[in-house]
N, C-alpha and C. Protein backbone atom coordinates (compact mmCIF):
# COMPACT_ATOMS: atom_id res chain seq x y z
N UNK A 1 -14.51 -52.91 7.48
CA UNK A 1 -13.68 -53.26 6.61
C UNK A 1 -12.05 -51.62 6.62
N UNK A 2 -13.56 -50.96 5.34
CA UNK A 2 -13.27 -49.74 5.47
C UNK A 2 -11.87 -49.03 6.39
N UNK A 3 -12.97 -48.77 7.91
CA UNK A 3 -11.54 -48.20 8.10
C UNK A 3 -10.62 -49.07 8.12
N UNK A 4 -10.53 -50.03 8.53
CA UNK A 4 -9.25 -51.05 8.98
C UNK A 4 -7.87 -50.98 7.08
N UNK A 5 -8.66 -50.46 6.31
CA UNK A 5 -7.64 -50.43 5.41
C UNK A 5 -7.17 -49.00 4.92
N UNK A 6 -7.96 -48.16 6.04
CA UNK A 6 -8.28 -46.58 5.53
C UNK A 6 -6.57 -46.17 6.66
N UNK A 7 -7.18 -46.64 7.63
CA UNK A 7 -5.87 -46.41 8.65
C UNK A 7 -4.77 -46.96 8.04
N UNK A 8 -4.59 -48.56 7.60
CA UNK A 8 -3.04 -48.77 7.34
C UNK A 8 -2.59 -48.18 5.90
N UNK A 9 -3.57 -47.53 5.09
CA UNK A 9 -2.80 -46.04 4.20
C UNK A 9 -2.42 -45.16 4.57
N UNK A 10 -3.61 -44.41 5.82
CA UNK A 10 -2.77 -43.95 6.86
C UNK A 10 -1.11 -44.25 7.30
N UNK A 11 -1.49 -44.86 7.65
CA UNK A 11 0.45 -45.33 8.10
C UNK A 11 1.36 -45.36 7.02
N UNK A 12 1.12 -46.34 6.16
CA UNK A 12 1.55 -46.19 4.94
C UNK A 12 2.18 -44.69 4.90
N UNK A 13 1.55 -44.05 4.26
CA UNK A 13 1.67 -42.48 3.11
C UNK A 13 2.37 -41.49 4.74
N UNK A 14 2.54 -42.08 6.10
CA UNK A 14 3.18 -41.27 6.90
C UNK A 14 4.93 -41.42 6.73
N UNK A 15 5.53 -42.61 6.23
CA UNK A 15 6.57 -43.07 5.70
C UNK A 15 7.13 -43.23 5.00
N UNK A 16 6.74 -42.38 3.49
CA UNK A 16 7.25 -41.83 2.61
C UNK A 16 7.85 -40.43 2.90
N UNK A 17 9.32 -40.93 1.90
CA UNK A 17 9.63 -39.79 1.80
C UNK A 17 9.61 -39.11 1.39
N UNK A 18 10.33 -37.32 1.11
CA UNK A 18 9.28 -36.01 1.29
C UNK A 18 9.11 -35.91 -0.24
N UNK A 19 8.86 -35.19 -0.85
CA UNK A 19 8.09 -35.02 -2.61
C UNK A 19 9.54 -33.55 -2.80
N UNK A 20 9.81 -33.35 -3.79
CA UNK A 20 9.79 -32.02 -3.73
C UNK A 20 9.22 -30.70 -3.41
N UNK A 21 8.06 -31.12 -3.50
CA UNK A 21 6.85 -29.72 -3.11
C UNK A 21 7.61 -29.77 -1.94
N UNK A 22 7.16 -31.16 -0.73
CA UNK A 22 7.28 -30.67 0.27
C UNK A 22 8.93 -29.94 1.42
N UNK A 23 10.09 -30.59 0.65
CA UNK A 23 11.02 -30.30 0.68
C UNK A 23 11.30 -28.56 0.50
N UNK A 24 10.50 -28.56 -0.44
CA UNK A 24 10.50 -26.44 -0.97
C UNK A 24 10.01 -26.01 0.07
N UNK A 25 8.15 -26.67 0.51
CA UNK A 25 7.35 -25.49 1.44
C UNK A 25 8.39 -25.62 2.90
N UNK A 26 9.73 -26.34 3.13
CA UNK A 26 9.77 -26.82 4.38
C UNK A 26 11.25 -25.43 4.23
N UNK A 27 11.92 -25.41 3.60
CA UNK A 27 12.98 -24.29 2.88
C UNK A 27 12.17 -22.91 3.22
N UNK A 28 11.17 -23.02 1.96
CA UNK A 28 10.00 -21.81 2.06
C UNK A 28 10.53 -21.13 3.63
N UNK A 29 9.87 -22.51 5.06
CA UNK A 29 9.51 -21.80 6.69
C UNK A 29 10.78 -21.26 6.67
N UNK A 30 12.24 -21.56 7.12
CA UNK A 30 12.95 -21.47 7.12
C UNK A 30 13.58 -20.24 6.59
N UNK A 31 13.01 -20.02 5.46
CA UNK A 31 13.46 -18.68 4.77
C UNK A 31 12.46 -17.84 5.02
N UNK A 32 11.12 -17.88 5.53
CA UNK A 32 9.78 -16.40 5.94
C UNK A 32 10.70 -16.68 7.55
N UNK A 33 11.29 -17.39 8.51
CA UNK A 33 11.83 -17.38 9.43
C UNK A 33 12.54 -16.18 10.15
N UNK A 34 13.54 -16.76 8.69
CA UNK A 34 15.73 -15.46 9.07
C UNK A 34 14.07 -14.19 8.71
N UNK A 35 13.78 -14.25 7.32
CA UNK A 35 12.86 -12.83 7.16
C UNK A 35 12.16 -12.10 7.76
N UNK A 36 11.78 -12.53 9.03
CA UNK A 36 11.17 -12.02 10.25
C UNK A 36 12.07 -11.90 11.21
N UNK A 37 13.75 -12.19 11.09
CA UNK A 37 14.05 -12.05 12.69
C UNK A 37 14.83 -10.88 11.32
N UNK A 38 15.39 -10.80 10.31
CA UNK A 38 15.89 -9.29 9.96
C UNK A 38 14.77 -8.88 10.16
N UNK A 39 13.76 -8.89 9.79
CA UNK A 39 13.43 -7.33 9.67
C UNK A 39 12.17 -6.66 10.80
N UNK A 40 12.67 -7.52 12.33
CA UNK A 40 12.85 -7.03 13.63
C UNK A 40 14.40 -6.78 14.15
N UNK A 41 15.36 -7.17 13.36
CA UNK A 41 16.63 -6.43 13.74
C UNK A 41 16.53 -5.53 13.21
N UNK A 42 16.28 -5.36 11.69
CA UNK A 42 16.42 -3.33 11.12
C UNK A 42 14.67 -2.75 11.48
N UNK A 43 14.37 -2.93 12.03
CA UNK A 43 13.21 -2.03 13.17
C UNK A 43 13.75 -1.61 13.68
N UNK A 44 14.27 -2.98 15.16
CA UNK A 44 15.17 -2.39 16.64
C UNK A 44 16.32 -1.88 15.69
N UNK A 45 17.50 -1.46 15.26
CA UNK A 45 18.66 -1.33 14.64
C UNK A 45 18.82 0.19 13.35
N UNK A 46 17.79 0.30 12.81
CA UNK A 46 18.15 1.66 11.52
C UNK A 46 17.07 2.10 11.00
N UNK A 47 16.67 2.13 12.41
CA UNK A 47 15.58 3.43 12.35
C UNK A 47 15.46 4.96 12.65
N UNK A 48 16.49 5.52 13.02
CA UNK A 48 16.67 6.66 14.35
C UNK A 48 15.44 6.12 15.48
N UNK A 49 15.71 7.44 15.37
CA UNK A 49 14.90 7.43 17.22
C UNK A 49 13.69 6.96 16.85
N UNK A 50 12.98 6.37 15.88
CA UNK A 50 12.41 5.82 15.62
C UNK A 50 11.97 4.27 16.30
N UNK A 51 12.64 3.45 16.21
CA UNK A 51 14.02 2.30 16.23
C UNK A 51 13.85 2.82 17.68
N UNK A 52 14.69 4.12 18.46
CA UNK A 52 14.90 4.27 19.98
C UNK A 52 13.12 4.08 20.70
N UNK A 53 12.65 4.07 20.34
CA UNK A 53 10.84 4.57 20.17
C UNK A 53 10.67 3.21 20.32
N UNK A 54 10.65 2.33 19.26
CA UNK A 54 10.05 0.53 19.99
C UNK A 54 10.76 0.20 20.70
N UNK A 55 12.23 0.48 20.88
CA UNK A 55 12.38 -0.26 22.15
C UNK A 55 12.01 -0.07 23.30
N UNK A 56 11.76 0.63 23.47
CA UNK A 56 11.57 1.78 24.07
C UNK A 56 9.98 1.02 24.85
N UNK A 57 8.58 1.36 23.94
CA UNK A 57 8.00 1.23 24.05
C UNK A 57 7.15 -0.29 23.49
N UNK A 58 8.49 -1.85 23.55
CA UNK A 58 8.22 -2.31 23.65
C UNK A 58 8.53 -2.56 24.65
N UNK A 59 9.51 -2.06 25.75
CA UNK A 59 9.23 -2.29 27.21
C UNK A 59 8.55 -2.40 28.05
N UNK A 60 7.74 -1.16 27.48
CA UNK A 60 6.44 -0.78 28.23
C UNK A 60 5.41 -1.69 27.92
N UNK A 61 5.33 -1.74 26.89
CA UNK A 61 3.72 -2.45 25.84
C UNK A 61 4.35 -3.50 24.88
N UNK A 62 4.68 -4.81 25.64
CA UNK A 62 5.24 -5.38 24.78
C UNK A 62 4.62 -6.28 24.06
N UNK A 63 3.26 -5.66 23.57
CA UNK A 63 2.21 -5.96 21.97
C UNK A 63 2.70 -5.42 21.16
N UNK A 64 3.60 -4.26 22.19
CA UNK A 64 4.45 -3.57 19.98
C UNK A 64 5.19 -4.65 19.86
N UNK A 65 6.32 -5.04 20.79
CA UNK A 65 6.60 -6.26 19.77
C UNK A 65 6.04 -7.16 18.78
N UNK A 66 4.61 -7.83 20.05
CA UNK A 66 4.27 -9.00 18.51
C UNK A 66 3.51 -8.66 16.96
N UNK A 67 3.03 -7.45 17.94
CA UNK A 67 2.87 -6.76 16.00
C UNK A 67 4.05 -6.30 15.19
N UNK A 68 5.42 -5.71 15.90
CA UNK A 68 6.29 -5.61 14.75
C UNK A 68 6.15 -7.20 14.05
N UNK A 69 6.07 -8.04 15.73
CA UNK A 69 6.18 -9.82 13.92
C UNK A 69 5.48 -9.40 13.43
N UNK A 70 4.43 -9.46 13.54
CA UNK A 70 3.06 -10.20 12.79
C UNK A 70 3.69 -9.06 11.33
N UNK A 71 3.73 -7.82 11.53
CA UNK A 71 4.06 -6.84 10.21
C UNK A 71 5.36 -7.57 9.41
N UNK A 72 6.24 -7.62 10.62
CA UNK A 72 7.04 -8.40 9.33
C UNK A 72 7.27 -10.31 8.56
N UNK A 73 5.99 -11.30 9.64
CA UNK A 73 5.50 -12.13 8.92
C UNK A 73 4.49 -12.25 8.61
N UNK A 74 3.70 -10.86 7.77
CA UNK A 74 2.71 -10.56 6.55
C UNK A 74 3.49 -9.94 5.14
N UNK A 75 4.88 -9.58 5.15
CA UNK A 75 5.95 -8.83 4.18
C UNK A 75 6.64 -10.51 3.81
N UNK A 76 6.66 -11.08 4.97
CA UNK A 76 7.30 -12.91 4.10
C UNK A 76 6.12 -13.02 3.78
């Protein structure tokens, strides 16, 4: 009987409207994603020869792009 009540409660909770804090988390996630995209664009285009090196190295060693993306994500 306790399991049935718990299942009903879970179903009821899953259909509620988003609270303000939940909406903020969703918006923050989008902002973080945009920050990562902007950071990668900056890394690959605004640092002269270092950007050229990043492009060439990413072409031969794809882990470089992953490392740059992780570094950008950590900053957000």
